[in-house]
Amino acid sequence: MGGSESASTEVERGFCELLEGFVHRLRARRDAILIVLHRGDTAAALRLLHQLEGSSAMYGLDSVSRRAKEISSSVSRYDLRSAVALASSLCDVELVGSA
C-alpha cells in the first residue's frame, strides 16, 4: 500500500505544478484578451474566452471559468466596456484562490 500512496502523492504534486503553471500563464492570457478587446476584435476575444472557460474549468478554477463566461456574454452584447472591466479582474486573488 505504501507504493500507491507514493504514486498518489506524485500525481497530486504533478497536478499542483500544472495548476501553478496555468495560474502563472493566466496573466498573459488576460493581457491577450484585453488587447483584442481594445482592438474591437470580438471574434478573437470570444475564441480566447472560450478556451479560457474550458481550460480553467478543467483545472477546477470554476470562478475563473464563470468570469470568462460573463466576459463572453458582455462581448456578445457588444458591451466592450463591461467586458474590459471584467477581463481586468481575471487574475484577482478572489477568482484564482490559493492555487
C-alpha atoms as a PDB file:
ATOM      1  CA  MET A   1       0.000   0.000   0.000  1.00  0.00           C
ATOM      2  CA  GLY A   2       2.888   2.348   0.576  1.00  0.00           C
ATOM      3  CA  GLY A   3       3.622   2.362  -3.150  1.00  0.00           C
ATOM      4  CA  SER A   4       0.143   3.556  -4.086  1.00  0.00           C
ATOM      5  CA  GLU A   5       0.351   6.334  -1.510  1.00  0.00           C
ATOM      6  CA  SER A   6       3.639   7.442  -3.022  1.00  0.00           C
ATOM      7  CA  ALA A   7       2.195   7.352  -6.542  1.00  0.00           C
ATOM      8  CA  SER A   8      -0.834   9.308  -5.355  1.00  0.00           C
ATOM      9  CA  THR A   9       1.432  11.916  -3.797  1.00  0.00           C
ATOM     10  CA  GLU A  10       3.386  12.196  -7.053  1.00  0.00           C
ATOM     11  CA  VAL A  11       0.168  12.649  -9.037  1.00  0.00           C
ATOM     12  CA  GLU A  12      -1.017  15.333  -6.633  1.00  0.00           C
ATOM     13  CA  ARG A  13       2.345  17.084  -6.821  1.00  0.00           C
ATOM     14  CA  GLY A  14       2.257  16.900 -10.625  1.00  0.00           C
ATOM     15  CA  PHE A  15      -1.242  18.338 -10.733  1.00  0.00           C
ATOM     16  CA  CYS A  16      -0.234  21.163  -8.384  1.00  0.00           C
ATOM     17  CA  GLU A  17       2.675  22.010 -10.686  1.00  0.00           C
ATOM     18  CA  LEU A  18       0.341  22.046 -13.701  1.00  0.00           C
ATOM     19  CA  LEU A  19      -2.147  24.223 -11.832  1.00  0.00           C
ATOM     20  CA  GLU A  20       0.578  26.651 -10.761  1.00  0.00           C
ATOM     21  CA  GLY A  21       1.745  26.879 -14.377  1.00  0.00           C
ATOM     22  CA  PHE A  22      -1.802  27.561 -15.554  1.00  0.00           C
ATOM     23  CA  VAL A  23      -2.269  30.307 -12.972  1.00  0.00           C
ATOM     24  CA  HIS A  24       1.137  31.775 -13.884  1.00  0.00           C
ATOM     25  CA  ARG A  25       0.107  31.932 -17.569  1.00  0.00           C
ATOM     26  CA  LEU A  26      -3.297  33.390 -16.693  1.00  0.00           C
ATOM     27  CA  ARG A  27      -1.876  36.922 -16.600  1.00  0.00           C
ATOM     28  CA  ALA A  28      -0.617  36.573 -20.194  1.00  0.00           C
ATOM     29  CA  ARG A  29      -3.980  35.161 -21.271  1.00  0.00           C
ATOM     30  CA  ARG A  30      -5.767  38.056 -19.585  1.00  0.00           C
ATOM     31  CA  ASP A  31      -3.474  40.524 -21.336  1.00  0.00           C
ATOM     32  CA  ALA A  32      -4.138  38.893 -24.725  1.00  0.00           C
ATOM     33  CA  ILE A  33      -7.896  39.137 -24.110  1.00  0.00           C
ATOM     34  CA  LEU A  34      -7.581  42.802 -23.151  1.00  0.00           C
ATOM     35  CA  ILE A  35      -5.532  43.553 -26.273  1.00  0.00           C
ATOM     36  CA  VAL A  36      -8.110  42.073 -28.641  1.00  0.00           C
ATOM     37  CA  LEU A  37     -10.943  43.767 -26.741  1.00  0.00           C
ATOM     38  CA  HIS A  38      -9.230  47.143 -27.052  1.00  0.00           C
ATOM     39  CA  ARG A  39      -8.838  46.480 -30.776  1.00  0.00           C
ATOM     40  CA  GLY A  40     -12.540  45.649 -31.001  1.00  0.00           C
ATOM     41  CA  ASP A  41     -11.792  42.154 -32.310  1.00  0.00           C
ATOM     42  CA  THR A  42     -14.795  40.415 -30.795  1.00  0.00           C
ATOM     43  CA  ALA A  43     -14.254  37.153 -32.721  1.00  0.00           C
ATOM     44  CA  ALA A  44     -10.728  36.755 -31.314  1.00  0.00           C
ATOM     45  CA  ALA A  45     -11.934  37.724 -27.838  1.00  0.00           C
ATOM     46  CA  LEU A  46     -14.712  35.128 -27.918  1.00  0.00           C
ATOM     47  CA  ARG A  47     -12.280  32.462 -29.120  1.00  0.00           C
ATOM     48  CA  LEU A  48      -9.780  33.228 -26.333  1.00  0.00           C
ATOM     49  CA  LEU A  49     -12.544  33.386 -23.738  1.00  0.00           C
ATOM     50  CA  HIS A  50     -13.997  30.062 -24.857  1.00  0.00           C
ATOM     51  CA  GLN A  51     -10.572  28.456 -24.480  1.00  0.00           C
ATOM     52  CA  LEU A  52     -10.104  30.028 -21.048  1.00  0.00           C
ATOM     53  CA  GLU A  53     -13.558  28.973 -19.903  1.00  0.00           C
ATOM     54  CA  GLY A  54     -12.875  25.337 -20.756  1.00  0.00           C
ATOM     55  CA  SER A  55      -9.305  25.087 -19.529  1.00  0.00           C
ATOM     56  CA  SER A  56      -9.970  26.845 -16.227  1.00  0.00           C
ATOM     57  CA  ALA A  57     -12.924  24.534 -15.558  1.00  0.00           C
ATOM     58  CA  MET A  58     -10.672  21.555 -16.295  1.00  0.00           C
ATOM     59  CA  TYR A  59      -8.280  22.755 -13.569  1.00  0.00           C
ATOM     60  CA  GLY A  60     -11.148  23.256 -11.131  1.00  0.00           C
ATOM     61  CA  LEU A  61     -10.993  27.047 -11.271  1.00  0.00           C
ATOM     62  CA  ASP A  62     -14.739  27.395 -11.624  1.00  0.00           C
ATOM     63  CA  SER A  63     -14.758  31.064 -10.638  1.00  0.00           C
ATOM     64  CA  VAL A  64     -12.333  31.893 -13.476  1.00  0.00           C
ATOM     65  CA  SER A  65     -14.441  29.815 -15.859  1.00  0.00           C
ATOM     66  CA  ARG A  66     -17.596  31.670 -14.793  1.00  0.00           C
ATOM     67  CA  ARG A  67     -15.851  35.024 -15.198  1.00  0.00           C
ATOM     68  CA  ALA A  68     -14.753  34.049 -18.730  1.00  0.00           C
ATOM     69  CA  LYS A  69     -18.382  33.193 -19.498  1.00  0.00           C
ATOM     70  CA  GLU A  70     -19.535  36.565 -18.093  1.00  0.00           C
ATOM     71  CA  ILE A  71     -16.990  38.356 -20.262  1.00  0.00           C
ATOM     72  CA  SER A  72     -18.127  36.385 -23.306  1.00  0.00           C
ATOM     73  CA  SER A  73     -21.689  37.431 -22.611  1.00  0.00           C
ATOM     74  CA  SER A  74     -20.636  41.086 -22.476  1.00  0.00           C
ATOM     75  CA  VAL A  75     -18.693  40.724 -25.723  1.00  0.00           C
ATOM     76  CA  SER A  76     -21.671  39.060 -27.402  1.00  0.00           C
ATOM     77  CA  ARG A  77     -23.804  42.057 -26.383  1.00  0.00           C
ATOM     78  CA  TYR A  78     -21.071  44.382 -27.726  1.00  0.00           C
ATOM     79  CA  ASP A  79     -20.679  45.814 -24.239  1.00  0.00           C
ATOM     80  CA  LEU A  80     -16.914  46.069 -24.560  1.00  0.00           C
ATOM     81  CA  ARG A  81     -16.559  48.495 -21.653  1.00  0.00           C
ATOM     82  CA  SER A  82     -18.037  45.908 -19.302  1.00  0.00           C
ATOM     83  CA  ALA A  83     -16.008  43.143 -20.947  1.00  0.00           C
ATOM     84  CA  VAL A  84     -12.764  45.060 -20.380  1.00  0.00           C
ATOM     85  CA  ALA A  85     -13.647  45.752 -16.749  1.00  0.00           C
ATOM     86  CA  LEU A  86     -14.433  42.086 -16.117  1.00  0.00           C
ATOM     87  CA  ALA A  87     -11.366  40.873 -18.009  1.00  0.00           C
ATOM     88  CA  SER A  88      -9.147  43.160 -15.972  1.00  0.00           C
ATOM     89  CA  SER A  89     -10.117  41.190 -12.869  1.00  0.00           C
ATOM     90  CA  LEU A  90      -9.288  37.725 -14.250  1.00  0.00           C
ATOM     91  CA  CYS A  91      -6.174  37.434 -12.073  1.00  0.00           C
ATOM     92  CA  ASP A  92      -7.773  38.669  -8.858  1.00  0.00           C
ATOM     93  CA  VAL A  93      -6.959  36.535  -5.847  1.00  0.00           C
ATOM     94  CA  GLU A  94     -10.674  36.005  -5.170  1.00  0.00           C
ATOM     95  CA  LEU A  95     -11.007  34.213  -8.516  1.00  0.00           C
ATOM     96  CA  VAL A  96      -7.743  32.308  -8.566  1.00  0.00           C
ATOM     97  CA  GLY A  97      -7.690  31.413  -4.896  1.00  0.00           C
ATOM     98  CA  SER A  98      -4.604  29.924  -3.362  1.00  0.00           C
ATOM     99  CA  ALA A  99      -3.558  27.980  -6.469  1.00  0.00           C
END
